[in-house]
């Protein structure tokens, strides 16, 4: 089971998976595609790999179909820059503008209530994990618009005279002398 929450461009998810009342190893429930689109998944874990293959191979237009089991509510979610959400339910896409806040999975109502009371996406997932026995583990987050790292300026200078070398370069003198520099 799962809780996934989206608010203010932050996608958050718990990291616990369960099967037949046992906690089992869990693949990531959220990630980022090469174009910056965020993905999320809740439901029957074997469908996650099929969904990722489908969206990477066909840019989301040729997703695999699966026959849902009676208890299956698997959903593959794409959160695109610009405010659109696409959900794959096994037979086709549903696309809509992202609301102010959105949640999916077993803990969705708790997460929505927490966000309605002012919580951010991560805190909303943490609250859902506290009160829903099917959610848990560490809450992980991704930012739809990550900050770009500041460019690093690199300055180089060729030292030709031993007297010019700054103190931190003194250790390289034997090498420089062997090379005839």
N, C-alpha and C. Protein backbone atom coordinates (compact mmCIF):
# COMPACT_ATOMS: atom_id res chain seq x y z
N UNK A 1 0.85 -1.17 0.00
CA UNK A 1 0.00 0.00 0.00
C UNK A 1 0.89 1.24 0.00
N UNK A 2 0.29 2.37 -0.22
CA UNK A 2 1.08 3.57 -0.53
C UNK A 2 0.37 4.83 -0.09
N UNK A 3 1.15 5.88 0.10
CA UNK A 3 0.62 7.24 0.11
C UNK A 3 1.57 8.09 -0.72
N UNK A 4 0.99 8.84 -1.64
CA UNK A 4 1.72 9.78 -2.49
C UNK A 4 0.99 11.11 -2.40
N UNK A 5 1.73 12.19 -2.24
CA UNK A 5 1.10 13.51 -2.14
C UNK A 5 1.84 14.50 -3.04
N UNK A 6 1.09 15.45 -3.57
CA UNK A 6 1.64 16.50 -4.43
C UNK A 6 1.10 17.83 -3.97
N UNK A 7 2.00 18.74 -3.70
CA UNK A 7 1.62 20.12 -3.35
C UNK A 7 2.79 21.04 -3.64
N UNK A 8 2.49 22.17 -4.25
CA UNK A 8 3.49 23.21 -4.53
C UNK A 8 4.70 22.65 -5.29
N UNK A 9 4.45 21.74 -6.21
CA UNK A 9 5.52 21.20 -7.04
C UNK A 9 6.39 20.16 -6.36
N UNK A 10 6.04 19.76 -5.15
CA UNK A 10 6.78 18.74 -4.41
C UNK A 10 5.96 17.46 -4.42
N UNK A 11 6.57 16.38 -4.89
CA UNK A 11 5.94 15.06 -4.89
C UNK A 11 6.59 14.26 -3.77
N UNK A 12 5.77 13.68 -2.90
CA UNK A 12 6.27 12.92 -1.76
C UNK A 12 5.62 11.54 -1.74
N UNK A 13 6.34 10.55 -1.23
CA UNK A 13 5.79 9.19 -1.13
C UNK A 13 6.43 8.46 0.03
N UNK A 14 5.66 7.54 0.60
CA UNK A 14 6.23 6.66 1.61
C UNK A 14 7.10 5.62 0.92
N UNK A 15 7.76 4.77 1.70
CA UNK A 15 8.68 3.80 1.10
C UNK A 15 8.42 2.38 1.57
N UNK A 16 7.20 2.12 2.07
CA UNK A 16 6.88 0.78 2.55
C UNK A 16 6.00 0.06 1.55
N UNK A 17 6.26 -1.23 1.37
CA UNK A 17 5.39 -2.09 0.57
C UNK A 17 4.93 -3.24 1.44
N UNK A 18 3.72 -3.68 1.19
CA UNK A 18 3.22 -4.84 1.94
C UNK A 18 2.57 -5.81 0.96
N UNK A 19 2.59 -7.06 1.34
CA UNK A 19 1.97 -8.11 0.54
C UNK A 19 1.46 -9.18 1.50
N UNK A 20 0.18 -9.45 1.45
CA UNK A 20 -0.43 -10.45 2.35
C UNK A 20 -0.06 -10.18 3.80
N UNK A 21 -0.18 -8.93 4.21
CA UNK A 21 0.05 -8.50 5.60
C UNK A 21 1.51 -8.57 6.03
N UNK A 22 2.44 -8.68 5.08
CA UNK A 22 3.86 -8.68 5.40
C UNK A 22 4.50 -7.44 4.78
N UNK A 23 5.44 -6.85 5.48
CA UNK A 23 6.22 -5.76 4.91
C UNK A 23 7.32 -6.38 4.07
N UNK A 24 7.42 -5.96 2.82
CA UNK A 24 8.37 -6.56 1.87
C UNK A 24 9.25 -5.47 1.26
N UNK A 25 10.40 -5.85 0.65
CA UNK A 25 11.25 -4.85 -0.01
C UNK A 25 10.45 -4.08 -1.06
N UNK A 26 10.80 -2.83 -1.21
CA UNK A 26 9.99 -1.96 -2.05
C UNK A 26 10.87 -1.17 -3.02
N UNK A 27 10.51 -1.18 -4.31
CA UNK A 27 11.22 -0.29 -5.25
C UNK A 27 10.77 1.15 -5.00
N UNK A 28 11.49 2.12 -5.53
CA UNK A 28 11.05 3.52 -5.36
C UNK A 28 9.64 3.70 -5.93
N UNK A 29 8.86 4.51 -5.25
CA UNK A 29 7.49 4.79 -5.69
C UNK A 29 7.39 6.07 -6.50
N UNK A 30 8.45 6.89 -6.46
CA UNK A 30 8.49 8.11 -7.25
C UNK A 30 9.86 8.23 -7.91
N UNK A 31 9.91 8.97 -9.03
CA UNK A 31 11.17 9.17 -9.73
C UNK A 31 11.05 10.29 -10.75
N UNK A 32 12.12 10.50 -11.48
CA UNK A 32 12.17 11.56 -12.49
C UNK A 32 12.58 10.96 -13.83
N UNK A 33 11.85 11.30 -14.88
CA UNK A 33 12.19 10.89 -16.23
C UNK A 33 13.23 11.84 -16.80
N UNK A 34 13.94 11.47 -17.86
CA UNK A 34 14.98 12.34 -18.41
C UNK A 34 14.50 13.74 -18.79
N UNK A 35 13.23 13.90 -19.17
CA UNK A 35 12.73 15.22 -19.56
C UNK A 35 12.30 16.07 -18.36
N UNK A 36 12.50 15.56 -17.13
CA UNK A 36 12.15 16.32 -15.94
C UNK A 36 10.78 15.98 -15.38
N UNK A 37 9.96 15.25 -16.14
CA UNK A 37 8.66 14.83 -15.66
C UNK A 37 8.84 13.90 -14.46
N UNK A 38 8.02 14.10 -13.42
CA UNK A 38 8.05 13.21 -12.27
C UNK A 38 7.07 12.08 -12.49
N UNK A 39 7.40 10.88 -12.02
CA UNK A 39 6.48 9.76 -12.08
C UNK A 39 6.24 9.25 -10.67
N UNK A 40 5.08 8.64 -10.49
CA UNK A 40 4.72 8.02 -9.22
C UNK A 40 3.90 6.78 -9.52
N UNK A 41 3.93 5.84 -8.59
CA UNK A 41 3.19 4.61 -8.80
C UNK A 41 2.63 4.11 -7.49
N UNK A 42 1.38 3.68 -7.54
CA UNK A 42 0.80 2.98 -6.41
C UNK A 42 0.01 1.79 -6.95
N UNK A 43 0.07 0.69 -6.23
CA UNK A 43 -0.64 -0.49 -6.65
C UNK A 43 0.23 -1.73 -6.67
N UNK A 44 -0.07 -2.63 -7.59
CA UNK A 44 0.57 -3.93 -7.72
C UNK A 44 1.96 -3.74 -8.32
N UNK A 45 3.01 -3.96 -7.52
CA UNK A 45 4.38 -3.62 -7.88
C UNK A 45 4.84 -4.16 -9.24
N UNK A 46 4.50 -5.40 -9.65
CA UNK A 46 4.97 -5.86 -10.96
C UNK A 46 4.55 -4.97 -12.13
N UNK A 47 3.49 -4.21 -11.97
CA UNK A 47 3.07 -3.31 -13.05
C UNK A 47 3.97 -2.08 -13.16
N UNK A 48 4.69 -1.75 -12.08
CA UNK A 48 5.57 -0.57 -12.11
C UNK A 48 6.61 -0.70 -13.21
N UNK A 49 7.28 -1.84 -13.29
CA UNK A 49 8.31 -2.03 -14.31
C UNK A 49 7.70 -1.90 -15.71
N UNK A 50 6.53 -2.49 -15.93
CA UNK A 50 5.87 -2.39 -17.24
C UNK A 50 5.56 -0.93 -17.57
N UNK A 51 5.10 -0.19 -16.59
CA UNK A 51 4.77 1.22 -16.83
C UNK A 51 6.00 2.04 -17.16
N UNK A 52 7.09 1.85 -16.41
CA UNK A 52 8.32 2.59 -16.69
C UNK A 52 8.86 2.25 -18.07
N UNK A 53 8.83 0.97 -18.44
CA UNK A 53 9.27 0.59 -19.79
C UNK A 53 8.40 1.25 -20.84
N UNK A 54 7.10 1.23 -20.63
CA UNK A 54 6.18 1.81 -21.60
C UNK A 54 6.37 3.30 -21.79
N UNK A 55 6.52 4.03 -20.70
CA UNK A 55 6.65 5.48 -20.81
C UNK A 55 8.01 5.87 -21.37
N UNK A 56 9.05 5.10 -21.09
CA UNK A 56 10.37 5.43 -21.63
C UNK A 56 10.48 5.03 -23.10
N UNK A 57 9.83 3.96 -23.48
CA UNK A 57 9.90 3.48 -24.86
C UNK A 57 8.99 4.28 -25.78
N UNK A 58 7.84 4.68 -25.30
CA UNK A 58 6.83 5.28 -26.16
C UNK A 58 6.43 6.69 -25.73
N UNK A 59 7.20 7.32 -24.90
CA UNK A 59 6.89 8.67 -24.40
C UNK A 59 5.49 8.73 -23.80
N UNK A 60 5.04 7.62 -23.23
CA UNK A 60 3.76 7.62 -22.53
C UNK A 60 2.56 7.34 -23.40
N UNK A 61 2.73 7.21 -24.71
CA UNK A 61 1.57 7.00 -25.57
C UNK A 61 1.29 5.53 -25.84
N UNK A 62 2.24 4.64 -25.59
CA UNK A 62 2.04 3.24 -25.88
C UNK A 62 2.15 2.39 -24.64
N UNK A 63 1.48 2.78 -23.59
CA UNK A 63 1.57 2.08 -22.32
C UNK A 63 0.99 0.68 -22.42
N UNK A 64 1.52 -0.25 -21.62
CA UNK A 64 1.00 -1.62 -21.64
C UNK A 64 -0.39 -1.69 -21.02
N UNK A 65 -1.20 -2.59 -21.53
CA UNK A 65 -2.49 -2.83 -20.91
C UNK A 65 -2.34 -3.98 -19.94
N UNK A 66 -3.10 -3.96 -18.88
CA UNK A 66 -3.12 -5.08 -17.97
C UNK A 66 -4.54 -5.32 -17.54
N UNK A 67 -4.79 -6.54 -17.19
CA UNK A 67 -6.12 -6.90 -16.73
C UNK A 67 -6.16 -6.68 -15.22
N UNK A 68 -6.91 -5.70 -14.77
CA UNK A 68 -6.93 -5.46 -13.33
C UNK A 68 -7.62 -6.60 -12.59
N UNK A 69 -7.04 -6.96 -11.47
CA UNK A 69 -7.68 -7.94 -10.61
C UNK A 69 -8.81 -7.23 -9.88
N UNK A 70 -9.68 -7.96 -9.28
CA UNK A 70 -10.83 -7.36 -8.60
C UNK A 70 -10.40 -6.36 -7.54
N UNK A 71 -9.28 -6.64 -6.86
CA UNK A 71 -8.84 -5.75 -5.79
C UNK A 71 -7.76 -4.77 -6.23
N UNK A 72 -7.44 -4.76 -7.52
CA UNK A 72 -6.32 -3.96 -7.99
C UNK A 72 -6.75 -2.55 -8.36
N UNK A 73 -6.04 -1.58 -7.83
CA UNK A 73 -6.29 -0.20 -8.21
C UNK A 73 -4.96 0.48 -8.56
N UNK A 74 -4.11 -0.23 -9.29
CA UNK A 74 -2.80 0.29 -9.67
C UNK A 74 -2.94 1.54 -10.52
N UNK A 75 -2.10 2.51 -10.22
CA UNK A 75 -2.10 3.77 -10.96
C UNK A 75 -0.67 4.23 -11.19
N UNK A 76 -0.35 4.58 -12.43
CA UNK A 76 0.93 5.16 -12.80
C UNK A 76 0.67 6.63 -13.09
N UNK A 77 1.41 7.52 -12.46
CA UNK A 77 1.13 8.95 -12.49
C UNK A 77 2.32 9.69 -13.08
N UNK A 78 2.06 10.61 -14.00
CA UNK A 78 3.08 11.51 -14.52
C UNK A 78 2.69 12.93 -14.11
N UNK A 79 3.62 13.65 -13.50
CA UNK A 79 3.41 15.04 -13.13
C UNK A 79 4.34 15.85 -14.01
N UNK A 80 3.75 16.58 -14.94
CA UNK A 80 4.54 17.30 -15.95
C UNK A 80 4.74 18.75 -15.54
N UNK A 81 5.88 19.27 -15.94
CA UNK A 81 6.10 20.71 -15.75
C UNK A 81 5.01 21.45 -16.51
N UNK A 82 4.55 22.53 -15.95
CA UNK A 82 3.47 23.26 -16.59
C UNK A 82 2.12 22.94 -15.98
N UNK A 83 2.08 22.01 -15.03
CA UNK A 83 0.87 21.81 -14.28
C UNK A 83 -0.10 20.75 -14.77
N UNK A 84 0.34 19.80 -15.58
CA UNK A 84 -0.55 18.74 -16.04
C UNK A 84 -0.21 17.43 -15.34
N UNK A 85 -1.24 16.67 -15.04
CA UNK A 85 -1.09 15.34 -14.47
C UNK A 85 -1.70 14.35 -15.45
N UNK A 86 -0.99 13.23 -15.68
CA UNK A 86 -1.53 12.14 -16.48
C UNK A 86 -1.52 10.89 -15.60
N UNK A 87 -2.65 10.18 -15.59
CA UNK A 87 -2.75 8.95 -14.82
C UNK A 87 -3.08 7.80 -15.76
N UNK A 88 -2.36 6.68 -15.60
CA UNK A 88 -2.60 5.47 -16.38
C UNK A 88 -3.26 4.45 -15.47
N UNK A 89 -4.44 4.03 -15.84
CA UNK A 89 -5.21 3.09 -15.03
C UNK A 89 -5.26 1.71 -15.65
N UNK A 90 -4.42 1.39 -16.63
CA UNK A 90 -4.38 0.06 -17.21
C UNK A 90 -5.04 -0.02 -18.57
N UNK A 91 -5.94 0.86 -18.88
CA UNK A 91 -6.63 0.82 -20.17
C UNK A 91 -6.53 2.14 -20.93
N UNK A 92 -5.98 3.15 -20.33
CA UNK A 92 -5.85 4.43 -21.00
C UNK A 92 -5.45 5.54 -20.04
N UNK A 93 -5.13 6.67 -20.62
CA UNK A 93 -4.70 7.84 -19.84
C UNK A 93 -5.88 8.71 -19.45
N UNK A 94 -5.77 9.31 -18.30
CA UNK A 94 -6.65 10.40 -17.87
C UNK A 94 -5.71 11.58 -17.65
N UNK A 95 -6.02 12.71 -18.25
CA UNK A 95 -5.15 13.88 -18.13
C UNK A 95 -5.96 15.05 -17.60
N UNK A 96 -5.37 15.81 -16.68
CA UNK A 96 -6.07 16.94 -16.09
C UNK A 96 -5.06 17.93 -15.51
N UNK A 97 -5.53 19.15 -15.30
CA UNK A 97 -4.68 20.17 -14.69
C UNK A 97 -4.49 19.84 -13.22
N UNK A 98 -3.27 20.02 -12.76
CA UNK A 98 -2.97 19.70 -11.37
C UNK A 98 -3.74 20.62 -10.43
N UNK A 99 -4.47 20.04 -9.48
CA UNK A 99 -5.14 20.87 -8.48
C UNK A 99 -4.12 21.42 -7.48
N UNK A 100 -4.58 22.23 -6.56
CA UNK A 100 -3.69 22.81 -5.55
C UNK A 100 -2.97 21.72 -4.76
N UNK A 101 -3.68 20.64 -4.48
CA UNK A 101 -3.11 19.52 -3.76
C UNK A 101 -3.76 18.23 -4.25
N UNK A 102 -3.00 17.14 -4.25
CA UNK A 102 -3.52 15.87 -4.75
C UNK A 102 -2.82 14.76 -3.99
N UNK A 103 -3.54 13.66 -3.75
CA UNK A 103 -2.94 12.51 -3.08
C UNK A 103 -3.50 11.22 -3.69
N UNK A 104 -2.70 10.16 -3.61
CA UNK A 104 -3.08 8.86 -4.14
C UNK A 104 -2.72 7.80 -3.12
N UNK A 105 -3.34 6.62 -3.26
CA UNK A 105 -2.98 5.46 -2.47
C UNK A 105 -3.85 5.28 -1.24
N UNK A 106 -3.45 4.31 -0.43
CA UNK A 106 -4.23 3.94 0.75
C UNK A 106 -4.34 5.09 1.75
N UNK A 107 -3.32 5.95 1.80
CA UNK A 107 -3.34 7.05 2.76
C UNK A 107 -3.77 8.37 2.16
N UNK A 108 -4.44 8.34 0.99
CA UNK A 108 -4.74 9.59 0.29
C UNK A 108 -5.65 10.52 1.09
N UNK A 109 -6.67 9.99 1.76
CA UNK A 109 -7.59 10.87 2.49
C UNK A 109 -6.90 11.55 3.67
N UNK A 110 -6.04 10.81 4.37
CA UNK A 110 -5.30 11.42 5.47
C UNK A 110 -4.35 12.49 4.95
N UNK A 111 -3.67 12.20 3.85
CA UNK A 111 -2.74 13.19 3.28
C UNK A 111 -3.48 14.43 2.79
N UNK A 112 -4.63 14.24 2.13
CA UNK A 112 -5.40 15.40 1.68
C UNK A 112 -5.88 16.23 2.85
N UNK A 113 -6.35 15.58 3.90
CA UNK A 113 -6.78 16.32 5.09
C UNK A 113 -5.65 17.11 5.71
N UNK A 114 -4.47 16.51 5.77
CA UNK A 114 -3.31 17.21 6.33
C UNK A 114 -2.94 18.42 5.47
N UNK A 115 -2.97 18.24 4.14
CA UNK A 115 -2.64 19.38 3.26
C UNK A 115 -3.72 20.46 3.33
N UNK A 116 -4.97 20.06 3.47
CA UNK A 116 -6.04 21.05 3.60
C UNK A 116 -5.86 21.88 4.88
N UNK A 117 -5.22 21.27 5.88
CA UNK A 117 -4.95 21.98 7.13
C UNK A 117 -3.64 22.75 7.07
N UNK A 118 -2.95 22.72 5.91
CA UNK A 118 -1.76 23.53 5.73
C UNK A 118 -0.45 22.79 5.62
N UNK A 119 -0.47 21.46 5.72
CA UNK A 119 0.79 20.70 5.65
C UNK A 119 1.34 20.67 4.23
N UNK A 120 2.66 20.58 4.11
CA UNK A 120 3.27 20.38 2.80
C UNK A 120 3.16 18.90 2.44
N UNK A 121 3.59 18.52 1.24
CA UNK A 121 3.42 17.15 0.76
C UNK A 121 4.16 16.15 1.64
N UNK A 122 5.37 16.46 2.05
CA UNK A 122 6.14 15.52 2.87
C UNK A 122 5.47 15.31 4.22
N UNK A 123 5.08 16.38 4.87
CA UNK A 123 4.42 16.27 6.17
C UNK A 123 3.10 15.53 6.04
N UNK A 124 2.38 15.76 4.95
CA UNK A 124 1.11 15.06 4.72
C UNK A 124 1.34 13.55 4.63
N UNK A 125 2.39 13.13 3.94
CA UNK A 125 2.70 11.70 3.86
C UNK A 125 3.11 11.15 5.23
N UNK A 126 3.88 11.92 5.98
CA UNK A 126 4.28 11.48 7.32
C UNK A 126 3.08 11.29 8.22
N UNK A 127 2.10 12.19 8.12
CA UNK A 127 0.87 12.06 8.91
C UNK A 127 0.09 10.83 8.48
N UNK A 128 -0.03 10.61 7.18
CA UNK A 128 -0.73 9.42 6.70
C UNK A 128 -0.03 8.15 7.20
N UNK A 129 1.29 8.14 7.20
CA UNK A 129 2.04 6.99 7.68
C UNK A 129 1.80 6.74 9.17
N UNK A 130 1.59 7.80 9.89
CA UNK A 130 1.36 7.67 11.34
C UNK A 130 0.02 7.02 11.65
N UNK A 131 -1.00 7.29 10.82
CA UNK A 131 -2.34 6.85 11.15
C UNK A 131 -2.89 5.75 10.25
N UNK A 132 -2.19 5.38 9.18
CA UNK A 132 -2.66 4.32 8.29
C UNK A 132 -1.67 3.17 8.37
N UNK A 133 -2.14 1.98 8.73
CA UNK A 133 -1.23 0.85 8.93
C UNK A 133 -0.62 0.36 7.62
N UNK A 134 -1.13 0.78 6.48
CA UNK A 134 -0.63 0.32 5.19
C UNK A 134 0.37 1.29 4.55
N UNK A 135 0.75 2.31 5.29
CA UNK A 135 1.74 3.28 4.81
C UNK A 135 2.86 3.34 5.84
N UNK A 136 4.07 3.60 5.40
CA UNK A 136 5.16 3.69 6.36
C UNK A 136 6.51 3.84 5.71
N UNK A 137 7.53 3.72 6.53
CA UNK A 137 8.89 3.88 6.06
C UNK A 137 9.25 5.34 5.90
N UNK A 138 10.42 5.56 5.37
CA UNK A 138 10.90 6.93 5.14
C UNK A 138 10.07 7.60 4.04
N UNK A 139 9.78 8.86 4.21
CA UNK A 139 9.09 9.63 3.18
C UNK A 139 10.16 10.30 2.31
N UNK A 140 10.07 10.07 1.01
CA UNK A 140 11.01 10.66 0.07
C UNK A 140 10.29 11.72 -0.77
N UNK A 141 11.04 12.72 -1.23
CA UNK A 141 10.44 13.81 -2.00
C UNK A 141 11.25 14.09 -3.26
N UNK A 142 10.57 14.65 -4.25
CA UNK A 142 11.20 15.17 -5.46
C UNK A 142 10.55 16.52 -5.76
N UNK A 143 11.35 17.45 -6.25
CA UNK A 143 10.86 18.78 -6.62
C UNK A 143 10.67 18.82 -8.13
N UNK A 144 9.49 19.22 -8.56
CA UNK A 144 9.19 19.30 -9.99
C UNK A 144 10.10 20.30 -10.68
N UNK A 145 10.46 21.34 -10.00
CA UNK A 145 11.34 22.38 -10.54
C UNK A 145 12.60 22.47 -9.68
N UNK A 146 13.50 21.49 -9.78
CA UNK A 146 14.69 21.52 -8.93
C UNK A 146 15.55 22.74 -9.27
N UNK A 147 16.21 23.22 -8.23
CA UNK A 147 17.10 24.37 -8.44
C UNK A 147 18.29 23.92 -9.26
N UNK A 148 18.64 24.73 -10.22
CA UNK A 148 19.82 24.44 -11.03
C UNK A 148 21.05 24.79 -10.21
N UNK A 149 22.06 23.95 -10.23
CA UNK A 149 23.29 24.31 -9.49
C UNK A 149 23.93 25.54 -10.10
N UNK A 150 24.50 26.34 -9.25
CA UNK A 150 25.16 27.55 -9.73
C UNK A 150 26.41 27.15 -10.52
N UNK A 151 26.66 27.84 -11.63
CA UNK A 151 27.86 27.50 -12.40
C UNK A 151 29.12 27.78 -11.58
N UNK A 152 30.10 26.94 -11.72
CA UNK A 152 31.35 27.08 -11.00
C UNK A 152 32.36 27.69 -11.97
N UNK A 153 32.99 28.77 -11.52
CA UNK A 153 34.02 29.38 -12.35
C UNK A 153 35.35 28.71 -12.05
N UNK A 154 36.06 28.36 -13.09
CA UNK A 154 37.36 27.75 -12.93
C UNK A 154 38.40 28.71 -13.50
N UNK A 155 39.37 29.04 -12.67
CA UNK A 155 40.44 29.93 -13.10
C UNK A 155 41.73 29.13 -13.15
N UNK A 156 42.44 29.23 -14.23
CA UNK A 156 43.73 28.55 -14.34
C UNK A 156 44.81 29.57 -14.61
N UNK A 157 46.02 29.22 -14.19
CA UNK A 157 47.16 30.10 -14.43
C UNK A 157 48.40 29.24 -14.52
N UNK A 158 49.22 29.48 -15.50
CA UNK A 158 50.46 28.75 -15.66
C UNK A 158 51.56 29.48 -14.88
N UNK A 159 52.17 28.74 -13.96
CA UNK A 159 53.26 29.31 -13.18
C UNK A 159 54.57 28.92 -13.86
N UNK A 160 55.39 29.90 -14.16
CA UNK A 160 56.65 29.62 -14.86
C UNK A 160 57.85 29.77 -13.95
N UNK A 161 57.72 30.47 -12.88
CA UNK A 161 58.84 30.72 -11.98
C UNK A 161 58.51 30.13 -10.61
N UNK A 162 59.48 29.42 -10.04
CA UNK A 162 59.26 28.78 -8.75
C UNK A 162 58.82 29.79 -7.70
N UNK A 163 59.30 30.99 -7.78
CA UNK A 163 58.96 32.01 -6.79
C UNK A 163 57.49 32.38 -6.84
N UNK A 164 56.83 32.15 -7.97
CA UNK A 164 55.42 32.54 -8.10
C UNK A 164 54.44 31.54 -7.49
N UNK A 165 54.90 30.29 -7.23
CA UNK A 165 53.98 29.25 -6.79
C UNK A 165 53.39 29.57 -5.41
N UNK A 166 52.08 29.48 -5.30
CA UNK A 166 51.48 29.66 -3.98
C UNK A 166 51.84 28.48 -3.09
N UNK A 167 51.74 28.67 -1.77
CA UNK A 167 52.15 27.67 -0.78
C UNK A 167 51.51 26.31 -0.98
N UNK A 168 50.22 26.24 -1.35
CA UNK A 168 49.56 24.94 -1.47
C UNK A 168 50.08 24.13 -2.64
N UNK A 169 50.86 24.74 -3.55
CA UNK A 169 51.40 24.00 -4.68
C UNK A 169 52.84 23.54 -4.44
N UNK A 170 53.43 23.90 -3.30
CA UNK A 170 54.81 23.53 -3.01
C UNK A 170 55.02 22.02 -3.07
N UNK A 171 54.01 21.22 -2.67
CA UNK A 171 54.16 19.76 -2.67
C UNK A 171 54.37 19.20 -4.07
N UNK A 172 54.01 19.94 -5.10
CA UNK A 172 54.15 19.48 -6.46
C UNK A 172 55.48 19.87 -7.10
N UNK A 173 56.35 20.55 -6.36
CA UNK A 173 57.61 21.01 -6.92
C UNK A 173 58.51 19.88 -7.43
N UNK A 174 58.69 18.81 -6.69
CA UNK A 174 59.57 17.76 -7.23
C UNK A 174 59.06 17.23 -8.57
N UNK A 175 57.80 17.02 -8.71
CA UNK A 175 57.23 16.55 -9.97
C UNK A 175 57.47 17.57 -11.07
N UNK A 176 57.23 18.85 -10.76
CA UNK A 176 57.42 19.90 -11.76
C UNK A 176 58.88 19.96 -12.20
N UNK A 177 59.80 19.82 -11.22
CA UNK A 177 61.23 19.89 -11.56
C UNK A 177 61.63 18.68 -12.42
N UNK A 178 61.11 17.46 -12.10
CA UNK A 178 61.43 16.29 -12.90
C UNK A 178 60.95 16.46 -14.33
N UNK A 179 59.86 17.17 -14.51
CA UNK A 179 59.30 17.36 -15.84
C UNK A 179 59.96 18.55 -16.55
N UNK A 180 60.87 19.22 -15.86
CA UNK A 180 61.57 20.35 -16.46
C UNK A 180 60.72 21.61 -16.53
N UNK A 181 59.76 21.68 -15.63
CA UNK A 181 58.90 22.89 -15.60
C UNK A 181 59.41 23.89 -14.63
